[in-house]
Amino acid sequence: MGSIPPLLTLLMAVESGWVHRRQLRVIELIQAEYGLLKDGRRGKRVQFNDAQRALLARKDEAVGRKDSSDFDTIMSLARKY
């Protein structure tokens, strides 16, 4: 068996870095949602203020609509209704 060509090694490293960054953005979105839900669970319905909605919108935009629709987040559920 021969070794892996350097160009293929570089492409694999770039792709894995890209996937890793996308995963980190999804994790940040879910952590932000969890933190807001945990803080606001006093009543049955959670009311977000403008700053909290803006934070979730920024995180959701970083993830992208297509990717965030693959899993249920507050923002993806809000877009459905």
Protein backbone atom coordinates (compact mmCIF):
# COMPACT_ATOMS: atom_id res chain seq x y z
CA MET A 1 0.00 0.00 0.00
CA GLY A 2 1.27 3.44 -0.88
CA SER A 3 1.02 6.50 1.27
CA ILE A 4 -1.74 9.08 0.94
CA PRO A 5 -0.88 11.85 -1.56
CA PRO A 6 -0.13 15.24 0.05
CA LEU A 7 -2.94 17.01 -1.85
CA LEU A 8 -5.50 14.50 -0.59
CA THR A 9 -4.16 14.91 2.95
CA LEU A 10 -4.55 18.69 2.67
CA LEU A 11 -8.10 18.41 1.33
CA MET A 12 -9.07 16.04 4.13
CA ALA A 13 -7.64 18.43 6.73
CA VAL A 14 -9.51 21.39 5.25
CA GLU A 15 -12.77 19.44 5.12
CA SER A 16 -12.45 18.20 8.68
CA GLY A 17 -11.74 21.76 9.89
CA TRP A 18 -14.83 23.03 8.07
CA VAL A 19 -17.04 20.30 9.56
CA HIS A 20 -15.62 20.98 13.02
CA ARG A 21 -16.45 24.71 12.79
CA ARG A 22 -20.01 23.94 11.67
CA GLN A 23 -20.45 21.52 14.57
CA LEU A 24 -19.19 24.15 17.01
CA ARG A 25 -21.76 26.67 15.72
CA VAL A 26 -24.57 24.14 16.18
CA ILE A 27 -23.35 23.37 19.71
CA GLU A 28 -23.23 27.10 20.55
CA LEU A 29 -26.82 27.52 19.31
CA ILE A 30 -28.09 24.62 21.37
CA GLN A 31 -26.21 25.80 24.47
CA ALA A 32 -27.64 29.31 24.09
CA GLU A 33 -31.17 27.92 23.75
CA TYR A 34 -30.72 25.64 26.72
CA GLY A 35 -29.41 28.48 28.86
CA LEU A 36 -32.34 30.73 27.95
CA LEU A 37 -34.86 27.97 28.55
CA LYS A 38 -33.27 27.09 31.88
CA ASP A 39 -33.40 30.75 32.99
CA GLY A 40 -36.98 31.27 31.86
CA ARG A 41 -38.76 28.14 32.96
CA ARG A 42 -40.62 29.81 35.82
CA GLY A 43 -43.97 29.52 34.09
CA LYS A 44 -45.34 27.24 31.43
CA ARG A 45 -44.58 29.61 28.57
CA VAL A 46 -41.12 31.09 28.16
CA GLN A 47 -41.08 34.76 27.17
CA PHE A 48 -37.87 35.99 25.57
CA ASN A 49 -36.85 39.63 25.62
CA ASP A 50 -35.42 41.40 22.56
CA ALA A 51 -31.80 40.79 23.55
CA GLN A 52 -32.43 37.06 23.96
CA ARG A 53 -34.25 36.85 20.62
CA ALA A 54 -31.38 38.72 18.95
CA LEU A 55 -28.85 36.31 20.47
CA LEU A 56 -30.76 33.28 19.21
CA ALA A 57 -31.19 34.88 15.78
CA ARG A 58 -27.43 35.50 15.49
CA LYS A 59 -26.63 31.94 16.52
CA ASP A 60 -29.27 30.52 14.17
CA GLU A 61 -27.98 32.62 11.28
CA ALA A 62 -24.45 31.35 11.90
CA VAL A 63 -25.70 27.77 11.68
CA GLY A 64 -27.86 28.43 8.61
CA ARG A 65 -31.51 27.74 7.97
CA LYS A 66 -30.91 24.52 6.07
CA ASP A 67 -28.75 22.99 8.77
CA SER A 68 -30.88 24.14 11.71
CA SER A 69 -33.97 22.64 10.08
CA ASP A 70 -32.32 19.22 10.38
CA PHE A 71 -32.80 19.28 14.15
CA ASP A 72 -35.47 20.85 16.34
CA THR A 73 -34.35 24.07 17.93
CA ILE A 74 -36.42 26.93 19.27
CA MET A 75 -35.69 28.95 16.13
CA SER A 76 -36.60 26.15 13.72
CA LEU A 77 -39.83 25.52 15.62
CA ALA A 78 -40.62 29.24 15.58
CA ARG A 79 -40.22 29.35 11.78
CA LYS A 80 -42.75 26.52 11.38
CA TYR A 81 -45.54 28.47 13.07
